[in-house]
Amino acid sequence: MRYEFQTALTERYNRSVRGFDSNAAMPFAAQALAAYTKNPTPEIPASQFAVQGGLTFAGVNGNPRTMYDPPKTELMPRVGFAYSINPNTVIRGGIGVFYGSLGIRLQDAIQTGFNQQTNMVTSSNGGIRFDDSLNNPFPNGILQPTGSSLGALTYVGNAISFFNPNPRAPRMLKYQFDIQRRLGGNFVLTAGYLRAAVLTWRSRAR
């Protein structure tokens, strides 16, 4: 029996998105629902229109520093045998369960909210007057990242990404059978059969 535990990815200063809270309340939900009710789409009636959900962050509001919860049940039973039919012939076989890498262990941290771009606007009237210079390229200051301070409101209205909170590694069943025969001189002939079947690939749903 073999057991593996793949530890989760962390960011040194917790500057990373962790997941998505689908129940997070939005302060503008009432206004959004009122606007949608005036002109709903046929696919979603106003009674089913929900304005909620937002990002969660590692090490914030009770969240662990890890960016996801690694699986803890990667048990891999294996069994094999070898039998010598005679001094020149051996048969071997085995069957076992194997797990692959989670893959996301090598992924970079998702740092939505921890970086901020400040655009350089040289003129607001088509070049009649220039608002900045080489000595002061950002007269209105440089925008600072909000980090995790906005909580679920971080990056609202934009495309977001987050880690699967409960990933599963691919699980494979492999079995093999071969026969080996020693020939004359220093020659050996081996014939075998190997097959592998993927048992699990999908992610766990919380």
N, C-alpha and C. Protein backbone atom coordinates (compact mmCIF):
# COMPACT_ATOMS: atom_id res chain seq x y z
N MET A 1 0.85 -1.19 0.00
CA MET A 1 0.00 0.00 0.00
C MET A 1 0.89 1.25 0.00
N ARG A 2 0.61 2.17 -0.92
CA ARG A 2 1.37 3.42 -1.00
C ARG A 2 0.40 4.58 -0.76
N TYR A 3 0.89 5.60 -0.06
CA TYR A 3 0.08 6.79 0.21
C TYR A 3 0.87 8.02 -0.17
N GLU A 4 0.21 8.95 -0.87
CA GLU A 4 0.85 10.20 -1.27
C GLU A 4 0.00 11.37 -0.81
N PHE A 5 0.67 12.45 -0.43
CA PHE A 5 -0.01 13.68 -0.07
C PHE A 5 0.68 14.83 -0.80
N GLN A 6 -0.05 15.48 -1.69
CA GLN A 6 0.50 16.60 -2.46
C GLN A 6 0.11 17.91 -1.77
N THR A 7 1.09 18.56 -1.18
CA THR A 7 0.80 19.79 -0.45
C THR A 7 0.33 20.89 -1.40
N ALA A 8 -0.43 21.83 -0.86
CA ALA A 8 -1.01 22.89 -1.67
C ALA A 8 -0.03 24.05 -1.84
N LEU A 9 -0.26 24.81 -2.88
CA LEU A 9 0.54 25.99 -3.18
C LEU A 9 0.20 27.12 -2.22
N THR A 10 1.22 27.88 -1.80
CA THR A 10 1.01 29.07 -0.98
C THR A 10 1.81 30.24 -1.57
N GLU A 11 1.40 31.45 -1.22
CA GLU A 11 2.14 32.65 -1.60
C GLU A 11 2.73 33.24 -0.33
N ARG A 12 3.97 33.65 -0.39
CA ARG A 12 4.71 34.02 0.82
C ARG A 12 3.98 35.06 1.66
N TYR A 13 3.36 36.04 1.01
CA TYR A 13 2.71 37.12 1.74
C TYR A 13 1.18 37.05 1.60
N ASN A 14 0.65 35.90 1.24
CA ASN A 14 -0.80 35.72 1.06
C ASN A 14 -1.38 36.65 0.00
N ARG A 15 -0.60 37.01 -0.96
CA ARG A 15 -1.08 37.91 -2.01
C ARG A 15 -1.63 37.09 -3.18
N SER A 16 -2.73 36.43 -2.92
CA SER A 16 -3.32 35.59 -3.97
C SER A 16 -4.80 35.37 -3.73
N VAL A 17 -5.54 35.27 -4.82
CA VAL A 17 -6.92 34.82 -4.77
C VAL A 17 -6.91 33.35 -4.34
N ARG A 18 -7.91 32.95 -3.59
CA ARG A 18 -8.03 31.54 -3.22
C ARG A 18 -9.20 30.86 -3.92
N GLY A 19 -10.37 31.44 -3.82
CA GLY A 19 -11.54 30.79 -4.39
C GLY A 19 -12.64 31.78 -4.68
N PHE A 20 -13.87 31.28 -4.71
CA PHE A 20 -15.03 32.10 -5.03
C PHE A 20 -16.16 31.75 -4.07
N ASP A 21 -16.71 32.76 -3.41
CA ASP A 21 -17.83 32.59 -2.50
C ASP A 21 -19.11 32.94 -3.25
N SER A 22 -19.85 31.92 -3.62
CA SER A 22 -21.06 32.15 -4.42
C SER A 22 -22.18 32.80 -3.63
N ASN A 23 -22.06 32.87 -2.30
CA ASN A 23 -23.11 33.46 -1.49
C ASN A 23 -22.78 34.86 -0.99
N ALA A 24 -21.65 35.40 -1.39
CA ALA A 24 -21.25 36.73 -0.93
C ALA A 24 -22.25 37.78 -1.40
N ALA A 25 -22.75 38.58 -0.46
CA ALA A 25 -23.74 39.61 -0.79
C ALA A 25 -23.07 40.83 -1.39
N MET A 26 -23.74 41.43 -2.36
CA MET A 26 -23.24 42.63 -3.01
C MET A 26 -24.08 43.83 -2.56
N PRO A 27 -23.46 44.94 -2.21
CA PRO A 27 -24.22 46.11 -1.73
C PRO A 27 -25.10 46.74 -2.79
N PHE A 28 -24.83 46.47 -4.05
CA PHE A 28 -25.62 47.06 -5.14
C PHE A 28 -26.64 46.06 -5.70
N ALA A 29 -26.90 44.96 -4.99
CA ALA A 29 -27.78 43.92 -5.51
C ALA A 29 -29.19 44.45 -5.79
N ALA A 30 -29.73 45.27 -4.89
CA ALA A 30 -31.10 45.78 -5.06
C ALA A 30 -31.20 46.66 -6.30
N GLN A 31 -30.23 47.53 -6.48
CA GLN A 31 -30.26 48.41 -7.66
C GLN A 31 -30.12 47.60 -8.96
N ALA A 32 -29.24 46.60 -8.94
CA ALA A 32 -29.05 45.78 -10.13
C ALA A 32 -30.32 44.99 -10.46
N LEU A 33 -30.96 44.45 -9.44
CA LEU A 33 -32.20 43.70 -9.66
C LEU A 33 -33.30 44.60 -10.19
N ALA A 34 -33.39 45.82 -9.67
CA ALA A 34 -34.41 46.76 -10.15
C ALA A 34 -34.18 47.11 -11.61
N ALA A 35 -32.94 47.32 -11.98
CA ALA A 35 -32.63 47.64 -13.38
C ALA A 35 -32.91 46.46 -14.29
N TYR A 36 -32.61 45.26 -13.82
CA TYR A 36 -32.85 44.08 -14.64
C TYR A 36 -34.34 43.80 -14.80
N THR A 37 -35.10 44.05 -13.76
CA THR A 37 -36.54 43.81 -13.81
C THR A 37 -37.21 44.64 -14.89
N LYS A 38 -36.67 45.81 -15.17
CA LYS A 38 -37.26 46.68 -16.20
C LYS A 38 -37.08 46.11 -17.60
N ASN A 39 -36.02 45.32 -17.80
CA ASN A 39 -35.76 44.77 -19.14
C ASN A 39 -35.10 43.40 -19.02
N PRO A 40 -35.82 42.39 -18.52
CA PRO A 40 -35.22 41.06 -18.34
C PRO A 40 -35.04 40.33 -19.66
N THR A 41 -34.16 39.35 -19.67
CA THR A 41 -33.98 38.50 -20.85
C THR A 41 -34.90 37.29 -20.72
N PRO A 42 -35.29 36.69 -21.84
CA PRO A 42 -36.20 35.52 -21.77
C PRO A 42 -35.58 34.34 -21.04
N GLU A 43 -34.26 34.23 -21.06
CA GLU A 43 -33.61 33.06 -20.47
C GLU A 43 -33.65 33.06 -18.93
N ILE A 44 -33.60 34.24 -18.34
CA ILE A 44 -33.56 34.33 -16.87
C ILE A 44 -34.66 35.28 -16.41
N PRO A 45 -35.71 34.75 -15.80
CA PRO A 45 -36.74 35.65 -15.26
C PRO A 45 -36.19 36.46 -14.09
N ALA A 46 -36.83 37.56 -13.81
CA ALA A 46 -36.36 38.45 -12.75
C ALA A 46 -36.34 37.75 -11.39
N SER A 47 -37.24 36.79 -11.18
CA SER A 47 -37.29 36.08 -9.91
C SER A 47 -36.06 35.21 -9.68
N GLN A 48 -35.36 34.87 -10.75
CA GLN A 48 -34.17 34.03 -10.64
C GLN A 48 -32.87 34.81 -10.84
N PHE A 49 -32.98 36.11 -11.01
CA PHE A 49 -31.79 36.94 -11.22
C PHE A 49 -31.12 37.19 -9.88
N ALA A 50 -29.89 36.73 -9.73
CA ALA A 50 -29.18 36.85 -8.46
C ALA A 50 -27.90 37.66 -8.66
N VAL A 51 -27.68 38.60 -7.79
CA VAL A 51 -26.46 39.41 -7.82
C VAL A 51 -25.68 39.11 -6.55
N GLN A 52 -24.84 38.14 -6.61
CA GLN A 52 -24.07 37.76 -5.44
C GLN A 52 -22.85 36.97 -5.88
N GLY A 53 -21.93 36.79 -4.96
CA GLY A 53 -20.72 36.03 -5.24
C GLY A 53 -19.52 36.92 -5.47
N GLY A 54 -18.38 36.51 -4.95
CA GLY A 54 -17.15 37.27 -5.12
C GLY A 54 -15.93 36.46 -4.72
N LEU A 55 -14.78 37.02 -4.97
CA LEU A 55 -13.52 36.33 -4.72
C LEU A 55 -13.23 36.21 -3.23
N THR A 56 -12.51 35.17 -2.88
CA THR A 56 -11.95 35.02 -1.55
C THR A 56 -10.44 34.98 -1.66
N PHE A 57 -9.74 35.27 -0.56
CA PHE A 57 -8.29 35.42 -0.61
C PHE A 57 -7.62 34.54 0.44
N ALA A 58 -6.43 34.12 0.11
CA ALA A 58 -5.67 33.25 1.01
C ALA A 58 -5.30 34.00 2.28
N GLY A 59 -5.48 33.37 3.43
CA GLY A 59 -5.08 33.96 4.70
C GLY A 59 -5.94 35.11 5.16
N VAL A 60 -7.13 35.29 4.60
CA VAL A 60 -8.00 36.41 4.96
C VAL A 60 -9.36 35.87 5.39
N ASN A 61 -9.92 36.48 6.43
CA ASN A 61 -11.26 36.13 6.93
C ASN A 61 -11.37 34.64 7.29
N GLY A 62 -10.35 34.14 7.90
CA GLY A 62 -10.38 32.75 8.33
C GLY A 62 -9.99 31.73 7.28
N ASN A 63 -9.70 32.18 6.07
CA ASN A 63 -9.27 31.25 5.03
C ASN A 63 -7.84 30.79 5.30
N PRO A 64 -7.53 29.55 5.00
CA PRO A 64 -6.14 29.09 5.16
C PRO A 64 -5.21 29.75 4.15
N ARG A 65 -3.92 29.68 4.39
CA ARG A 65 -2.94 30.27 3.49
C ARG A 65 -2.83 29.49 2.18
N THR A 66 -3.21 28.24 2.21
CA THR A 66 -3.14 27.44 0.98
C THR A 66 -4.19 27.93 -0.01
N MET A 67 -3.87 27.78 -1.28
CA MET A 67 -4.76 28.29 -2.31
C MET A 67 -5.86 27.31 -2.69
N TYR A 68 -5.81 26.12 -2.14
CA TYR A 68 -6.86 25.13 -2.34
C TYR A 68 -6.67 24.05 -1.28
N ASP A 69 -7.63 23.18 -1.15
CA ASP A 69 -7.57 22.08 -0.18
C ASP A 69 -7.09 20.83 -0.90
N PRO A 70 -5.88 20.39 -0.64
CA PRO A 70 -5.36 19.22 -1.37
C PRO A 70 -6.07 17.94 -0.94
N PRO A 71 -6.19 16.99 -1.85
CA PRO A 71 -6.82 15.70 -1.47
C PRO A 71 -5.96 14.95 -0.47
N LYS A 72 -6.61 14.26 0.44
CA LYS A 72 -5.91 13.53 1.50
C LYS A 72 -6.18 12.03 1.44
N THR A 73 -6.74 11.56 0.36
CA THR A 73 -7.12 10.14 0.28
C THR A 73 -6.45 9.43 -0.88
N GLU A 74 -5.24 9.81 -1.21
CA GLU A 74 -4.56 9.19 -2.35
C GLU A 74 -3.89 7.88 -1.92
N LEU A 75 -4.71 6.87 -1.68
CA LEU A 75 -4.22 5.54 -1.35
C LEU A 75 -4.02 4.74 -2.64
N MET A 76 -2.90 4.04 -2.72
CA MET A 76 -2.57 3.33 -3.96
C MET A 76 -2.19 1.88 -3.67
N PRO A 77 -3.18 1.00 -3.57
CA PRO A 77 -2.85 -0.42 -3.37
C PRO A 77 -2.21 -1.02 -4.62
N ARG A 78 -1.23 -1.88 -4.42
CA ARG A 78 -0.55 -2.53 -5.53
C ARG A 78 -0.16 -3.95 -5.11
N VAL A 79 -0.19 -4.84 -6.08
CA VAL A 79 0.21 -6.21 -5.82
C VAL A 79 0.88 -6.76 -7.08
N GLY A 80 1.89 -7.59 -6.88
CA GLY A 80 2.60 -8.17 -8.01
C GLY A 80 3.13 -9.55 -7.66
N PHE A 81 3.52 -10.27 -8.67
CA PHE A 81 4.05 -11.61 -8.44
C PHE A 81 5.09 -11.93 -9.50
N ALA A 82 5.92 -12.88 -9.19
CA ALA A 82 6.90 -13.43 -10.13
C ALA A 82 7.01 -14.93 -9.84
N TYR A 83 6.95 -15.74 -10.89
CA TYR A 83 6.98 -17.19 -10.72
C TYR A 83 7.89 -17.80 -11.77
N SER A 84 8.79 -18.61 -11.30
CA SER A 84 9.73 -19.29 -12.21
C SER A 84 9.16 -20.66 -12.58
N ILE A 85 8.79 -20.79 -13.86
CA ILE A 85 8.25 -22.06 -14.33
C ILE A 85 9.35 -23.12 -14.35
N ASN A 86 10.51 -22.68 -14.83
CA ASN A 86 11.69 -23.54 -14.86
C ASN A 86 12.91 -22.62 -14.83
N PRO A 87 14.12 -23.17 -14.79
CA PRO A 87 15.30 -22.30 -14.70
C PRO A 87 15.44 -21.28 -15.82
N ASN A 88 14.76 -21.45 -16.95
CA ASN A 88 14.91 -20.55 -18.09
C ASN A 88 13.68 -19.69 -18.37
N THR A 89 12.59 -19.88 -17.63
CA THR A 89 11.34 -19.19 -17.94
C THR A 89 10.73 -18.61 -16.67
N VAL A 90 10.36 -17.32 -16.72
CA VAL A 90 9.74 -16.63 -15.59
C VAL A 90 8.52 -15.88 -16.08
N ILE A 91 7.45 -15.93 -15.32
CA ILE A 91 6.28 -15.09 -15.61
C ILE A 91 6.12 -14.09 -14.48
N ARG A 92 5.71 -12.88 -14.85
CA ARG A 92 5.55 -11.80 -13.88
C ARG A 92 4.24 -11.06 -14.17
N GLY A 93 3.69 -10.48 -13.15
CA GLY A 93 2.47 -9.70 -13.33
C GLY A 93 2.22 -8.80 -12.14
N GLY A 94 1.29 -7.86 -12.32
CA GLY A 94 0.97 -6.96 -11.23
C GLY A 94 -0.18 -6.04 -11.59
N ILE A 95 -0.79 -5.47 -10.58
CA ILE A 95 -1.87 -4.52 -10.77
C ILE A 95 -1.75 -3.47 -9.66
N GLY A 96 -2.06 -2.25 -9.98
CA GLY A 96 -1.93 -1.20 -8.99
C GLY A 96 -2.65 0.08 -9.38
N VAL A 97 -2.86 0.92 -8.40
CA VAL A 97 -3.48 2.23 -8.60
C VAL A 97 -2.39 3.30 -8.50
N PHE A 98 -2.43 4.26 -9.44
CA PHE A 98 -1.44 5.33 -9.49
C PHE A 98 -2.18 6.67 -9.60
N TYR A 99 -1.61 7.69 -8.96
CA TYR A 99 -2.15 9.05 -9.05
C TYR A 99 -1.17 9.94 -9.81
N GLY A 100 -1.71 10.83 -10.62
CA GLY A 100 -0.88 11.81 -11.30
C GLY A 100 -0.77 13.09 -10.49
N SER A 101 -0.01 14.05 -11.01
CA SER A 101 0.16 15.33 -10.33
C SER A 101 -1.12 16.15 -10.42
N LEU A 102 -1.35 16.99 -9.41
CA LEU A 102 -2.49 17.90 -9.46
C LEU A 102 -2.35 18.92 -10.57
N GLY A 103 -1.13 19.16 -11.02
CA GLY A 103 -0.93 20.13 -12.09
C GLY A 103 -0.89 21.55 -11.59
N ILE A 104 -1.89 21.96 -10.79
CA ILE A 104 -1.96 23.34 -10.32
C ILE A 104 -0.86 23.65 -9.33
N ARG A 105 -0.12 22.63 -8.87
CA ARG A 105 1.00 22.91 -7.97
C ARG A 105 2.05 23.79 -8.65
N LEU A 106 2.10 23.75 -9.97
CA LEU A 106 3.10 24.51 -10.70
C LEU A 106 2.54 25.82 -11.24
N GLN A 107 1.30 26.14 -10.93
CA GLN A 107 0.67 27.35 -11.43
C GLN A 107 1.06 28.55 -10.58
N ASP A 108 1.16 29.70 -11.23
CA ASP A 108 1.46 30.92 -10.50
C ASP A 108 0.26 31.34 -9.63
N ALA A 109 0.54 32.14 -8.63
CA ALA A 109 -0.52 32.70 -7.81
C ALA A 109 -1.40 33.61 -8.66
N ILE A 110 -2.69 33.63 -8.36
CA ILE A 110 -3.63 34.53 -9.04
C ILE A 110 -3.71 35.81 -8.22
N GLN A 111 -3.13 36.87 -8.72
CA GLN A 111 -2.96 38.07 -7.90
C GLN A 111 -3.89 39.21 -8.29
N THR A 112 -5.13 38.87 -8.58
CA THR A 112 -6.15 39.89 -8.83
C THR A 112 -6.30 40.76 -7.59
N GLY A 113 -6.19 42.06 -7.77
CA GLY A 113 -6.27 43.00 -6.65
C GLY A 113 -4.92 43.41 -6.11
N PHE A 114 -3.89 42.64 -6.43
CA PHE A 114 -2.56 42.94 -5.90
C PHE A 114 -1.65 43.60 -6.94
N ASN A 115 -2.21 43.94 -8.08
CA ASN A 115 -1.47 44.72 -9.06
C ASN A 115 -2.41 45.77 -9.64
N GLN A 116 -1.86 46.88 -10.02
CA GLN A 116 -2.68 47.99 -10.50
C GLN A 116 -1.92 48.76 -11.56
N GLN A 117 -2.56 49.02 -12.66
CA GLN A 117 -1.96 49.77 -13.76
C GLN A 117 -2.39 51.23 -13.71
N THR A 118 -1.44 52.14 -13.84
CA THR A 118 -1.73 53.57 -13.91
C THR A 118 -1.41 54.06 -15.32
N ASN A 119 -2.42 54.50 -16.03
CA ASN A 119 -2.22 54.97 -17.39
C ASN A 119 -1.63 56.38 -17.40
N MET A 120 -0.76 56.60 -18.34
CA MET A 120 -0.13 57.91 -18.50
C MET A 120 -0.93 58.71 -19.53
N VAL A 121 -1.62 59.76 -19.09
CA VAL A 121 -2.43 60.62 -19.97
C VAL A 121 -1.65 61.89 -20.21
N THR A 122 -1.09 62.02 -21.39
CA THR A 122 -0.23 63.18 -21.67
C THR A 122 -1.01 64.46 -21.89
N SER A 123 -2.23 64.34 -22.46
CA SER A 123 -3.01 65.54 -22.73
C SER A 123 -4.49 65.19 -22.73
N SER A 124 -5.30 66.10 -22.21
CA SER A 124 -6.74 65.89 -22.18
C SER A 124 -7.46 66.73 -23.23
N ASN A 125 -6.72 67.50 -24.04
CA ASN A 125 -7.34 68.35 -25.06
C ASN A 125 -6.61 68.26 -26.40
N GLY A 126 -6.15 67.06 -26.71
CA GLY A 126 -5.57 66.84 -28.03
C GLY A 126 -4.21 67.48 -28.24
N GLY A 127 -3.48 67.72 -27.20
CA GLY A 127 -2.13 68.25 -27.35
C GLY A 127 -2.02 69.76 -27.27
N ILE A 128 -3.14 70.45 -27.06
CA ILE A 128 -3.06 71.90 -26.89
C ILE A 128 -2.31 72.23 -25.61
N ARG A 129 -2.56 71.45 -24.59
CA ARG A 129 -1.84 71.60 -23.35
C ARG A 129 -1.48 70.20 -22.83
N PHE A 130 -0.24 70.07 -22.44
CA PHE A 130 0.23 68.78 -21.92
C PHE A 130 0.14 68.79 -20.40
N ASP A 131 -0.45 67.72 -19.88
CA ASP A 131 -0.70 67.64 -18.45
C ASP A 131 0.46 67.05 -17.66
N ASP A 132 1.39 66.40 -18.35
CA ASP A 132 2.50 65.77 -17.63
C ASP A 132 3.81 66.12 -18.32
N SER A 133 4.87 65.70 -17.71
CA SER A 133 6.21 65.94 -18.24
C SER A 133 7.11 64.80 -17.82
N LEU A 134 8.33 64.82 -18.33
CA LEU A 134 9.27 63.78 -17.93
C LEU A 134 9.62 63.89 -16.45
N ASN A 135 9.59 65.11 -15.93
CA ASN A 135 9.87 65.30 -14.51
C ASN A 135 8.71 64.87 -13.63
N ASN A 136 7.48 64.93 -14.18
CA ASN A 136 6.29 64.55 -13.40
C ASN A 136 5.32 63.84 -14.34
N PRO A 137 5.62 62.57 -14.68
CA PRO A 137 4.79 61.85 -15.66
C PRO A 137 3.40 61.49 -15.13
N PHE A 138 3.20 61.48 -13.82
CA PHE A 138 1.90 61.14 -13.25
C PHE A 138 1.49 62.23 -12.26
N PRO A 139 1.04 63.36 -12.75
CA PRO A 139 0.70 64.48 -11.86
C PRO A 139 -0.46 64.17 -10.91
N ASN A 140 -1.31 63.24 -11.27
CA ASN A 140 -2.45 62.88 -10.42
C ASN A 140 -2.14 61.71 -9.49
N GLY A 141 -0.87 61.30 -9.48
CA GLY A 141 -0.47 60.21 -8.60
C GLY A 141 -0.56 58.84 -9.28
N ILE A 142 -0.07 57.85 -8.59
CA ILE A 142 -0.08 56.47 -9.09
C ILE A 142 -1.13 55.69 -8.32
N LEU A 143 -1.97 54.98 -9.06
CA LEU A 143 -3.01 54.18 -8.43
C LEU A 143 -2.39 53.04 -7.63
N GLN A 144 -2.90 52.81 -6.45
CA GLN A 144 -2.39 51.76 -5.59
C GLN A 144 -3.31 50.54 -5.64
N PRO A 145 -2.75 49.35 -5.64
CA PRO A 145 -3.58 48.14 -5.63
C PRO A 145 -4.36 48.03 -4.33
N THR A 146 -5.54 47.48 -4.42
CA THR A 146 -6.41 47.36 -3.25
C THR A 146 -6.11 46.10 -2.44
N GLY A 147 -5.36 45.17 -3.01
CA GLY A 147 -5.09 43.92 -2.32
C GLY A 147 -6.38 43.15 -2.06
N SER A 148 -6.53 42.66 -0.85
CA SER A 148 -7.75 41.92 -0.50
C SER A 148 -8.71 42.77 0.32
N SER A 149 -8.43 44.08 0.43
CA SER A 149 -9.22 44.95 1.31
C SER A 149 -10.68 45.08 0.87
N LEU A 150 -10.97 44.93 -0.42
CA LEU A 150 -12.35 45.05 -0.90
C LEU A 150 -13.11 43.74 -0.80
N GLY A 151 -12.43 42.68 -0.44
CA GLY A 151 -13.11 41.39 -0.29
C GLY A 151 -13.78 40.94 -1.56
N ALA A 152 -15.06 40.55 -1.44
CA ALA A 152 -15.81 40.03 -2.58
C ALA A 152 -16.05 41.08 -3.65
N LEU A 153 -15.86 42.34 -3.33
CA LEU A 153 -16.05 43.41 -4.33
C LEU A 153 -14.83 43.58 -5.24
N THR A 154 -13.76 42.88 -4.97
CA THR A 154 -12.55 43.01 -5.79
C THR A 154 -12.82 42.63 -7.23
N TYR A 155 -12.50 43.54 -8.12
CA TYR A 155 -12.61 43.32 -9.57
C TYR A 155 -14.03 43.05 -10.02
N VAL A 156 -15.01 43.58 -9.31
CA VAL A 156 -16.42 43.41 -9.70
C VAL A 156 -16.65 43.99 -11.09
N GLY A 157 -17.37 43.28 -11.91
CA GLY A 157 -17.66 43.73 -13.27
C GLY A 157 -16.63 43.32 -14.29
N ASN A 158 -15.59 42.61 -13.86
CA ASN A 158 -14.54 42.17 -14.77
C ASN A 158 -14.43 40.64 -14.74
N ALA A 159 -13.74 40.12 -15.72
CA ALA A 159 -13.51 38.68 -15.76
C ALA A 159 -12.56 38.29 -14.63
N ILE A 160 -12.88 37.23 -13.93
CA ILE A 160 -12.07 36.79 -12.81
C ILE A 160 -11.68 35.32 -12.99
N SER A 161 -10.69 34.92 -12.23
CA SER A 161 -10.30 33.51 -12.20
C SER A 161 -9.91 33.16 -10.77
N PHE A 162 -10.05 31.89 -10.43
CA PHE A 162 -9.73 31.46 -9.07
C PHE A 162 -9.41 29.97 -9.11
N PHE A 163 -8.84 29.49 -8.02
CA PHE A 163 -8.45 28.09 -7.94
C PHE A 163 -9.67 27.21 -7.64
N ASN A 164 -9.64 26.01 -8.16
CA ASN A 164 -10.61 25.01 -7.76
C ASN A 164 -10.34 24.66 -6.29
N PRO A 165 -11.28 24.89 -5.39
CA PRO A 165 -10.97 24.69 -3.97
C PRO A 165 -10.74 23.23 -3.59
N ASN A 166 -11.26 22.32 -4.38
CA ASN A 166 -11.13 20.89 -4.06
C ASN A 166 -10.69 20.10 -5.29
N PRO A 167 -9.45 20.25 -5.69
CA PRO A 167 -8.99 19.55 -6.90
C PRO A 167 -8.81 18.05 -6.65
N ARG A 168 -8.86 17.30 -7.72
CA ARG A 168 -8.59 15.86 -7.65
C ARG A 168 -7.53 15.51 -8.68
N ALA A 169 -6.58 14.74 -8.27
CA ALA A 169 -5.54 14.28 -9.18
C ALA A 169 -6.09 13.12 -10.03
N PRO A 170 -5.63 13.00 -11.27
CA PRO A 170 -6.08 11.86 -12.08
C PRO A 170 -5.63 10.55 -11.47
N ARG A 171 -6.55 9.58 -11.42
CA ARG A 171 -6.25 8.27 -10.84
C ARG A 171 -6.28 7.23 -11.95
N MET A 172 -5.31 6.36 -11.94
CA MET A 172 -5.16 5.39 -13.02
C MET A 172 -4.96 3.99 -12.46
N LEU A 173 -5.62 3.02 -13.08
CA LEU A 173 -5.42 1.62 -12.76
C LEU A 173 -4.55 0.99 -13.86
N LYS A 174 -3.44 0.42 -13.46
CA LYS A 174 -2.51 -0.19 -14.40
C LYS A 174 -2.30 -1.66 -14.04
N TYR A 175 -2.32 -2.50 -15.05
CA TYR A 175 -1.99 -3.89 -14.81
C TYR A 175 -1.14 -4.42 -15.96
N GLN A 176 -0.28 -5.39 -15.63
CA GLN A 176 0.73 -5.86 -16.56
C GLN A 176 0.98 -7.35 -16.35
N PHE A 177 1.26 -8.04 -17.45
CA PHE A 177 1.64 -9.45 -17.40
C PHE A 177 2.70 -9.69 -18.47
N ASP A 178 3.78 -10.36 -18.11
CA ASP A 178 4.79 -10.67 -19.12
C ASP A 178 5.45 -12.01 -18.81
N ILE A 179 6.06 -12.56 -19.81
CA ILE A 179 6.79 -13.81 -19.70
C ILE A 179 8.18 -13.62 -20.29
N GLN A 180 9.17 -14.12 -19.61
CA GLN A 180 10.55 -13.94 -20.02
C GLN A 180 11.22 -15.31 -20.15
N ARG A 181 11.93 -15.45 -21.27
CA ARG A 181 12.58 -16.73 -21.56
C ARG A 181 14.04 -16.50 -21.91
N ARG A 182 14.92 -17.22 -21.23
CA ARG A 182 16.33 -17.12 -21.53
C ARG A 182 16.65 -18.06 -22.69
N LEU A 183 17.25 -17.50 -23.72
CA LEU A 183 17.63 -18.26 -24.89
C LEU A 183 19.10 -18.67 -24.77
N GLY A 184 19.63 -19.20 -25.83
CA GLY A 184 21.03 -19.58 -25.79
C GLY A 184 21.94 -18.37 -25.74
N GLY A 185 23.15 -18.56 -25.23
CA GLY A 185 24.11 -17.46 -25.13
C GLY A 185 23.65 -16.46 -24.09
N ASN A 186 23.75 -15.18 -24.44
CA ASN A 186 23.36 -14.09 -23.53
C ASN A 186 22.07 -13.40 -23.97
N PHE A 187 21.19 -14.10 -24.65
CA PHE A 187 19.98 -13.53 -25.18
C PHE A 187 18.78 -13.89 -24.30
N VAL A 188 17.88 -12.89 -24.12
CA VAL A 188 16.65 -13.08 -23.36
C VAL A 188 15.50 -12.53 -24.18
N LEU A 189 14.42 -13.28 -24.26
CA LEU A 189 13.23 -12.86 -24.99
C LEU A 189 12.11 -12.58 -23.99
N THR A 190 11.51 -11.39 -24.10
CA THR A 190 10.42 -11.00 -23.19
C THR A 190 9.20 -10.58 -24.00
N ALA A 191 8.04 -11.07 -23.63
CA ALA A 191 6.77 -10.67 -24.24
C ALA A 191 5.83 -10.30 -23.11
N GLY A 192 5.12 -9.17 -23.28
CA GLY A 192 4.26 -8.73 -22.19
C GLY A 192 3.04 -7.97 -22.66
N TYR A 193 2.14 -7.74 -21.74
CA TYR A 193 0.91 -6.99 -21.99
C TYR A 193 0.73 -5.97 -20.87
N LEU A 194 0.48 -4.72 -21.25
CA LEU A 194 0.31 -3.64 -20.28
C LEU A 194 -0.92 -2.83 -20.66
N ARG A 195 -1.74 -2.51 -19.67
CA ARG A 195 -2.92 -1.69 -19.93
C ARG A 195 -3.12 -0.73 -18.77
N ALA A 196 -3.57 0.46 -19.10
CA ALA A 196 -3.85 1.47 -18.08
C ALA A 196 -5.22 2.08 -18.36
N ALA A 197 -5.99 2.28 -17.33
CA ALA A 197 -7.33 2.86 -17.45
C ALA A 197 -7.47 4.00 -16.47
N VAL A 198 -7.90 5.15 -16.95
CA VAL A 198 -8.12 6.31 -16.08
C VAL A 198 -9.41 6.12 -15.31
N LEU A 199 -9.33 6.22 -14.00
CA LEU A 199 -10.49 6.02 -13.14
C LEU A 199 -11.13 7.33 -12.73
N THR A 200 -10.32 8.36 -12.50
CA THR A 200 -10.84 9.64 -12.01
C THR A 200 -10.10 10.77 -12.68
N TRP A 201 -10.84 11.75 -13.17
CA TRP A 201 -10.23 12.94 -13.73
C TRP A 201 -10.94 14.19 -13.28
N ARG A 202 -12.24 14.10 -13.03
CA ARG A 202 -13.03 15.28 -12.68
C ARG A 202 -12.68 15.80 -11.29
N SER A 203 -13.01 17.06 -11.07
CA SER A 203 -12.75 17.70 -9.79
C SER A 203 -13.91 17.48 -8.84
N ARG A 204 -13.60 17.49 -7.56
CA ARG A 204 -14.64 17.36 -6.56
C ARG A 204 -15.44 18.65 -6.45
N ALA A 205 -16.70 18.52 -6.24
CA ALA A 205 -17.56 19.69 -6.02
C ALA A 205 -17.78 19.85 -4.53
N ARG A 206 -17.67 21.07 -4.08
CA ARG A 206 -17.87 21.33 -2.63
C ARG A 206 -19.36 21.42 -2.35
